[in-house]
């Protein structure tokens, strides 16, 4: 896997274009994770977590902290399996809304994808 900030940004630009309709019209919260600095989400996801916009979420450091601390290992393990073994998964985790402190129980479907050899993860989130 290539670790290039330029390629990471190219992945996000491609995802924005190719998945535009899904991001805008899906009933699910969605986010894409390439690396800590290169990520994007739809409005449903950023709103669920208490961010004012998808752009604000994308600029946040340590986005894993949005997941309930006891569930962070679950998402790390699923992401690792996606990147190393090319395995998609479905799992339940809870997120914390940063403004209200409310805990939101969800099901996450994580799908590994590749763009020009750069692996990244697409996440679909359903509130339970």
N, C-alpha and C. Protein backbone atom coordinates (compact mmCIF):
# COMPACT_ATOMS: atom_id res chain seq x y z
N UNK A 1 0.85 -1.18 0.00
CA UNK A 1 0.00 0.00 0.00
C UNK A 1 0.89 1.24 0.00
N UNK A 2 0.57 2.18 -0.83
CA UNK A 2 1.31 3.42 -0.94
C UNK A 2 0.88 4.37 0.16
N UNK A 3 1.84 5.08 0.75
CA UNK A 3 1.51 6.06 1.79
C UNK A 3 1.87 7.45 1.28
N UNK A 4 1.02 7.98 0.41
CA UNK A 4 1.27 9.25 -0.25
C UNK A 4 0.12 10.21 0.02
N UNK A 5 0.40 11.35 0.67
CA UNK A 5 -0.67 12.33 0.89
C UNK A 5 -1.35 12.77 -0.40
N UNK A 6 -0.60 12.89 -1.49
CA UNK A 6 -1.19 13.28 -2.77
C UNK A 6 -2.18 12.22 -3.25
N UNK A 7 -1.79 10.94 -3.16
CA UNK A 7 -2.68 9.86 -3.56
C UNK A 7 -3.88 9.78 -2.61
N UNK A 8 -3.65 10.00 -1.32
CA UNK A 8 -4.76 9.98 -0.36
C UNK A 8 -5.81 11.02 -0.73
N UNK A 9 -5.36 12.22 -1.09
CA UNK A 9 -6.29 13.28 -1.49
C UNK A 9 -7.00 12.91 -2.79
N UNK A 10 -6.27 12.27 -3.70
CA UNK A 10 -6.87 11.83 -4.96
C UNK A 10 -7.98 10.80 -4.70
N UNK A 11 -7.75 9.91 -3.73
CA UNK A 11 -8.78 8.93 -3.36
C UNK A 11 -10.04 9.66 -2.91
N UNK A 12 -9.89 10.64 -2.02
CA UNK A 12 -11.06 11.38 -1.51
C UNK A 12 -11.77 12.12 -2.64
N UNK A 13 -11.02 12.73 -3.53
CA UNK A 13 -11.64 13.44 -4.66
C UNK A 13 -12.43 12.46 -5.53
N UNK A 14 -11.87 11.28 -5.77
CA UNK A 14 -12.55 10.25 -6.56
C UNK A 14 -13.82 9.78 -5.86
N UNK A 15 -13.73 9.53 -4.55
CA UNK A 15 -14.89 9.09 -3.79
C UNK A 15 -15.99 10.15 -3.83
N UNK A 16 -15.63 11.41 -3.62
CA UNK A 16 -16.62 12.51 -3.69
C UNK A 16 -17.38 12.48 -5.00
N UNK A 17 -16.67 12.25 -6.10
CA UNK A 17 -17.29 12.26 -7.42
C UNK A 17 -18.10 10.98 -7.65
N UNK A 18 -17.51 9.83 -7.43
CA UNK A 18 -18.14 8.56 -7.76
C UNK A 18 -19.29 8.18 -6.82
N UNK A 19 -19.21 8.60 -5.58
CA UNK A 19 -20.22 8.22 -4.59
C UNK A 19 -21.11 9.39 -4.17
N UNK A 20 -21.09 10.46 -4.95
CA UNK A 20 -21.84 11.68 -4.60
C UNK A 20 -23.31 11.40 -4.31
N UNK A 21 -23.98 10.68 -5.18
CA UNK A 21 -25.40 10.41 -5.01
C UNK A 21 -25.65 9.58 -3.74
N UNK A 22 -24.80 8.60 -3.50
CA UNK A 22 -24.96 7.77 -2.30
C UNK A 22 -24.76 8.61 -1.04
N UNK A 23 -23.72 9.43 -1.02
CA UNK A 23 -23.45 10.28 0.15
C UNK A 23 -24.61 11.23 0.42
N UNK A 24 -25.18 11.79 -0.64
CA UNK A 24 -26.23 12.79 -0.47
C UNK A 24 -27.60 12.20 -0.21
N UNK A 25 -27.90 11.03 -0.76
CA UNK A 25 -29.26 10.52 -0.70
C UNK A 25 -29.45 9.29 0.19
N UNK A 26 -28.39 8.74 0.71
CA UNK A 26 -28.52 7.54 1.54
C UNK A 26 -29.21 7.88 2.87
N UNK A 27 -29.99 6.96 3.35
CA UNK A 27 -30.60 7.11 4.67
C UNK A 27 -29.64 6.75 5.78
N UNK A 28 -28.45 6.28 5.41
CA UNK A 28 -27.45 5.91 6.41
C UNK A 28 -26.39 6.99 6.55
N UNK A 29 -25.79 7.01 7.73
CA UNK A 29 -24.60 7.82 7.94
C UNK A 29 -23.45 7.08 7.24
N UNK A 30 -22.56 7.83 6.58
CA UNK A 30 -21.47 7.21 5.82
C UNK A 30 -20.19 7.99 6.07
N UNK A 31 -19.08 7.24 6.19
CA UNK A 31 -17.79 7.91 6.17
C UNK A 31 -16.75 7.04 5.47
N UNK A 32 -15.75 7.71 4.92
CA UNK A 32 -14.63 7.07 4.25
C UNK A 32 -13.38 7.43 5.03
N UNK A 33 -12.56 6.41 5.29
CA UNK A 33 -11.33 6.62 6.04
C UNK A 33 -10.16 6.10 5.21
N UNK A 34 -9.26 7.01 4.83
CA UNK A 34 -8.01 6.64 4.16
C UNK A 34 -6.90 6.62 5.20
N UNK A 35 -6.81 7.71 5.96
CA UNK A 35 -5.87 7.83 7.07
C UNK A 35 -6.39 8.95 7.98
N UNK A 36 -5.73 9.17 9.08
CA UNK A 36 -6.20 10.16 10.06
C UNK A 36 -6.40 11.54 9.44
N UNK A 37 -5.56 11.90 8.48
CA UNK A 37 -5.67 13.24 7.87
C UNK A 37 -6.55 13.26 6.63
N UNK A 38 -6.87 12.11 6.09
CA UNK A 38 -7.64 12.03 4.84
C UNK A 38 -8.88 11.17 5.05
N UNK A 39 -9.99 11.85 5.26
CA UNK A 39 -11.27 11.18 5.54
C UNK A 39 -12.39 12.12 5.13
N UNK A 40 -13.56 11.56 4.91
CA UNK A 40 -14.73 12.39 4.62
C UNK A 40 -15.97 11.65 5.05
N UNK A 41 -17.05 12.41 5.21
CA UNK A 41 -18.31 11.80 5.64
C UNK A 41 -19.48 12.57 5.05
N UNK A 42 -20.67 12.00 5.20
CA UNK A 42 -21.86 12.72 4.78
C UNK A 42 -22.44 13.49 5.97
N UNK A 43 -23.41 14.33 5.69
CA UNK A 43 -24.02 15.18 6.72
C UNK A 43 -24.66 14.35 7.83
N UNK A 44 -25.25 13.22 7.48
CA UNK A 44 -25.90 12.37 8.49
C UNK A 44 -24.89 11.91 9.55
N UNK A 45 -23.68 11.57 9.11
CA UNK A 45 -22.66 11.11 10.04
C UNK A 45 -22.16 12.26 10.92
N UNK A 46 -21.83 13.38 10.30
CA UNK A 46 -21.31 14.50 11.10
C UNK A 46 -22.37 15.00 12.09
N UNK A 47 -23.63 15.06 11.67
CA UNK A 47 -24.72 15.50 12.56
C UNK A 47 -24.91 14.52 13.72
N UNK A 48 -24.85 13.22 13.41
CA UNK A 48 -25.02 12.20 14.45
C UNK A 48 -23.99 12.39 15.57
N UNK A 49 -22.79 12.82 15.19
CA UNK A 49 -21.71 12.97 16.17
C UNK A 49 -21.61 14.38 16.76
N UNK A 50 -22.49 15.29 16.32
CA UNK A 50 -22.50 16.63 16.90
C UNK A 50 -21.57 17.62 16.24
N UNK A 51 -21.10 17.31 15.04
CA UNK A 51 -20.28 18.27 14.28
C UNK A 51 -21.21 19.15 13.46
N UNK A 52 -20.78 20.36 13.18
CA UNK A 52 -21.63 21.29 12.43
C UNK A 52 -21.66 20.98 10.94
N UNK A 53 -20.67 20.23 10.44
CA UNK A 53 -20.61 19.91 9.02
C UNK A 53 -19.67 18.72 8.79
N UNK A 54 -19.78 18.10 7.63
CA UNK A 54 -18.81 17.05 7.29
C UNK A 54 -17.37 17.58 7.25
N UNK A 55 -17.22 18.82 6.84
CA UNK A 55 -15.88 19.42 6.79
C UNK A 55 -15.28 19.56 8.18
N UNK A 56 -16.10 19.94 9.17
CA UNK A 56 -15.59 20.06 10.54
C UNK A 56 -15.12 18.69 11.03
N UNK A 57 -15.90 17.63 10.76
CA UNK A 57 -15.50 16.29 11.18
C UNK A 57 -14.19 15.89 10.51
N UNK A 58 -14.07 16.17 9.20
CA UNK A 58 -12.88 15.78 8.45
C UNK A 58 -11.62 16.46 8.97
N UNK A 59 -11.77 17.63 9.56
CA UNK A 59 -10.61 18.37 10.11
C UNK A 59 -10.24 17.92 11.52
N UNK A 60 -11.13 17.19 12.17
CA UNK A 60 -10.90 16.78 13.56
C UNK A 60 -9.74 15.80 13.65
N UNK A 61 -8.97 15.97 14.70
CA UNK A 61 -7.89 15.02 15.00
C UNK A 61 -8.48 13.88 15.81
N UNK A 62 -7.88 12.73 15.74
CA UNK A 62 -8.26 11.58 16.57
C UNK A 62 -9.75 11.26 16.48
N UNK A 63 -10.23 11.03 15.26
CA UNK A 63 -11.65 10.76 15.07
C UNK A 63 -12.10 9.49 15.76
N UNK A 64 -11.18 8.60 16.07
CA UNK A 64 -11.56 7.38 16.78
C UNK A 64 -12.15 7.71 18.15
N UNK A 65 -11.83 8.87 18.68
CA UNK A 65 -12.36 9.26 19.99
C UNK A 65 -13.87 9.50 19.94
N UNK A 66 -14.46 9.60 18.73
CA UNK A 66 -15.91 9.72 18.61
C UNK A 66 -16.61 8.41 18.96
N UNK A 67 -15.89 7.31 18.84
CA UNK A 67 -16.44 6.00 19.23
C UNK A 67 -16.30 5.84 20.74
N UNK A 68 -17.28 5.17 21.35
CA UNK A 68 -17.22 4.88 22.77
C UNK A 68 -15.90 4.16 23.06
N UNK A 69 -15.20 4.57 24.10
CA UNK A 69 -13.86 4.06 24.37
C UNK A 69 -13.80 2.54 24.40
N UNK A 70 -14.78 1.91 25.01
CA UNK A 70 -14.76 0.45 25.11
C UNK A 70 -15.01 -0.24 23.76
N UNK A 71 -15.48 0.50 22.76
CA UNK A 71 -15.74 -0.07 21.44
C UNK A 71 -14.63 0.24 20.43
N UNK A 72 -13.68 1.06 20.81
CA UNK A 72 -12.65 1.48 19.86
C UNK A 72 -11.83 0.30 19.33
N UNK A 73 -11.57 -0.69 20.17
CA UNK A 73 -10.79 -1.85 19.73
C UNK A 73 -11.54 -2.63 18.65
N UNK A 74 -12.87 -2.61 18.69
CA UNK A 74 -13.68 -3.32 17.69
C UNK A 74 -13.47 -2.70 16.31
N UNK A 75 -13.56 -1.39 16.25
CA UNK A 75 -13.40 -0.72 14.96
C UNK A 75 -11.96 -0.80 14.46
N UNK A 76 -11.00 -0.76 15.36
CA UNK A 76 -9.59 -0.90 14.97
C UNK A 76 -9.35 -2.29 14.38
N UNK A 77 -9.87 -3.30 15.02
CA UNK A 77 -9.70 -4.68 14.55
C UNK A 77 -10.36 -4.87 13.18
N UNK A 78 -11.57 -4.34 13.01
CA UNK A 78 -12.28 -4.47 11.74
C UNK A 78 -11.52 -3.75 10.63
N UNK A 79 -11.00 -2.56 10.93
CA UNK A 79 -10.24 -1.80 9.95
C UNK A 79 -8.96 -2.56 9.57
N UNK A 80 -8.28 -3.09 10.56
CA UNK A 80 -7.05 -3.84 10.31
C UNK A 80 -7.34 -5.05 9.41
N UNK A 81 -8.42 -5.79 9.70
CA UNK A 81 -8.79 -6.93 8.86
C UNK A 81 -9.12 -6.50 7.44
N UNK A 82 -9.78 -5.35 7.31
CA UNK A 82 -10.12 -4.84 5.98
C UNK A 82 -8.86 -4.51 5.18
N UNK A 83 -7.91 -3.87 5.82
CA UNK A 83 -6.70 -3.44 5.12
C UNK A 83 -5.71 -4.58 4.89
N UNK A 84 -5.56 -5.46 5.87
CA UNK A 84 -4.56 -6.53 5.76
C UNK A 84 -5.11 -7.77 5.06
N UNK A 85 -6.36 -8.13 5.31
CA UNK A 85 -6.92 -9.38 4.78
C UNK A 85 -7.99 -9.15 3.72
N UNK A 86 -8.30 -7.88 3.46
CA UNK A 86 -9.33 -7.50 2.47
C UNK A 86 -10.68 -8.10 2.84
N UNK A 87 -11.03 -8.03 4.13
CA UNK A 87 -12.25 -8.61 4.66
C UNK A 87 -13.22 -7.49 5.07
N UNK A 88 -14.42 -7.52 4.52
CA UNK A 88 -15.47 -6.62 4.96
C UNK A 88 -16.09 -7.17 6.24
N UNK A 89 -16.79 -6.32 6.97
CA UNK A 89 -17.39 -6.80 8.21
C UNK A 89 -18.58 -5.94 8.62
N UNK A 90 -19.33 -6.49 9.55
CA UNK A 90 -20.46 -5.79 10.16
C UNK A 90 -20.32 -5.96 11.66
N UNK A 91 -20.46 -4.87 12.40
CA UNK A 91 -20.28 -4.93 13.85
C UNK A 91 -21.09 -3.82 14.50
N UNK A 92 -21.38 -4.01 15.77
CA UNK A 92 -22.11 -3.00 16.54
C UNK A 92 -21.14 -2.24 17.43
N UNK A 93 -21.22 -0.91 17.35
CA UNK A 93 -20.46 -0.06 18.27
C UNK A 93 -21.33 1.14 18.64
N UNK A 94 -20.91 1.81 19.70
CA UNK A 94 -21.59 3.03 20.13
C UNK A 94 -20.68 4.22 19.89
N UNK A 95 -21.29 5.33 19.53
CA UNK A 95 -20.60 6.59 19.29
C UNK A 95 -21.09 7.60 20.32
N UNK A 96 -20.29 8.62 20.56
CA UNK A 96 -20.68 9.66 21.49
C UNK A 96 -20.82 10.98 20.74
N UNK A 97 -22.00 11.61 20.89
CA UNK A 97 -22.21 12.92 20.30
C UNK A 97 -21.39 13.92 21.11
N UNK A 98 -20.50 14.62 20.45
CA UNK A 98 -19.56 15.51 21.15
C UNK A 98 -20.23 16.72 21.79
N UNK A 99 -21.40 17.13 21.31
CA UNK A 99 -22.08 18.29 21.87
C UNK A 99 -23.00 17.92 23.03
N UNK A 100 -23.75 16.83 22.86
CA UNK A 100 -24.75 16.47 23.87
C UNK A 100 -24.27 15.39 24.83
N UNK A 101 -23.21 14.66 24.44
CA UNK A 101 -22.74 13.55 25.26
C UNK A 101 -23.58 12.28 25.10
N UNK A 102 -24.62 12.36 24.29
CA UNK A 102 -25.51 11.22 24.08
C UNK A 102 -24.75 10.07 23.42
N UNK A 103 -25.01 8.86 23.90
CA UNK A 103 -24.42 7.65 23.31
C UNK A 103 -25.39 7.11 22.27
N UNK A 104 -24.87 6.83 21.06
CA UNK A 104 -25.69 6.35 19.95
C UNK A 104 -25.23 4.95 19.58
N UNK A 105 -26.12 3.97 19.75
CA UNK A 105 -25.80 2.58 19.39
C UNK A 105 -26.03 2.40 17.90
N UNK A 106 -25.05 1.78 17.22
CA UNK A 106 -25.13 1.63 15.78
C UNK A 106 -24.63 0.26 15.31
N UNK A 107 -25.00 -0.04 14.08
CA UNK A 107 -24.39 -1.14 13.34
C UNK A 107 -23.56 -0.51 12.24
N UNK A 108 -22.33 -0.98 12.08
CA UNK A 108 -21.43 -0.46 11.05
C UNK A 108 -21.12 -1.57 10.06
N UNK A 109 -21.26 -1.25 8.79
CA UNK A 109 -20.80 -2.14 7.73
C UNK A 109 -19.55 -1.50 7.16
N UNK A 110 -18.43 -2.20 7.27
CA UNK A 110 -17.15 -1.70 6.79
C UNK A 110 -16.78 -2.47 5.52
N UNK A 111 -16.48 -1.73 4.46
CA UNK A 111 -16.15 -2.34 3.18
C UNK A 111 -14.77 -1.84 2.74
N UNK A 112 -13.82 -2.76 2.53
CA UNK A 112 -12.53 -2.30 2.00
C UNK A 112 -12.63 -2.06 0.50
N UNK A 113 -12.04 -0.97 0.04
CA UNK A 113 -12.01 -0.64 -1.38
C UNK A 113 -10.58 -0.23 -1.75
N UNK A 114 -10.32 -0.19 -3.05
CA UNK A 114 -8.99 0.19 -3.51
C UNK A 114 -9.12 1.17 -4.67
N UNK A 115 -8.24 2.15 -4.67
CA UNK A 115 -8.14 3.11 -5.77
C UNK A 115 -6.66 3.25 -6.12
N UNK A 116 -6.29 2.85 -7.31
CA UNK A 116 -4.89 2.91 -7.76
C UNK A 116 -3.95 2.27 -6.75
N UNK A 117 -4.38 1.16 -6.18
CA UNK A 117 -3.55 0.43 -5.22
C UNK A 117 -3.61 0.96 -3.80
N UNK A 118 -4.31 2.06 -3.58
CA UNK A 118 -4.46 2.62 -2.23
C UNK A 118 -5.73 2.06 -1.60
N UNK A 119 -5.57 1.31 -0.53
CA UNK A 119 -6.72 0.77 0.18
C UNK A 119 -7.33 1.83 1.07
N UNK A 120 -8.64 1.78 1.18
CA UNK A 120 -9.35 2.66 2.09
C UNK A 120 -10.61 1.95 2.52
N UNK A 121 -11.28 2.49 3.53
CA UNK A 121 -12.47 1.83 4.08
C UNK A 121 -13.69 2.73 3.94
N UNK A 122 -14.77 2.13 3.46
CA UNK A 122 -16.07 2.79 3.35
C UNK A 122 -16.95 2.21 4.46
N UNK A 123 -17.55 3.10 5.25
CA UNK A 123 -18.36 2.68 6.41
C UNK A 123 -19.79 3.17 6.23
N UNK A 124 -20.74 2.26 6.39
CA UNK A 124 -22.16 2.58 6.39
C UNK A 124 -22.67 2.35 7.81
N UNK A 125 -23.31 3.35 8.41
CA UNK A 125 -23.74 3.29 9.80
C UNK A 125 -25.24 3.41 9.91
N UNK A 126 -25.84 2.46 10.62
CA UNK A 126 -27.27 2.47 10.89
C UNK A 126 -27.48 2.59 12.38
N UNK A 127 -28.31 3.55 12.79
CA UNK A 127 -28.62 3.71 14.21
C UNK A 127 -29.58 2.59 14.62
N UNK A 128 -29.26 1.94 15.72
CA UNK A 128 -30.08 0.84 16.21
C UNK A 128 -31.16 1.33 17.15
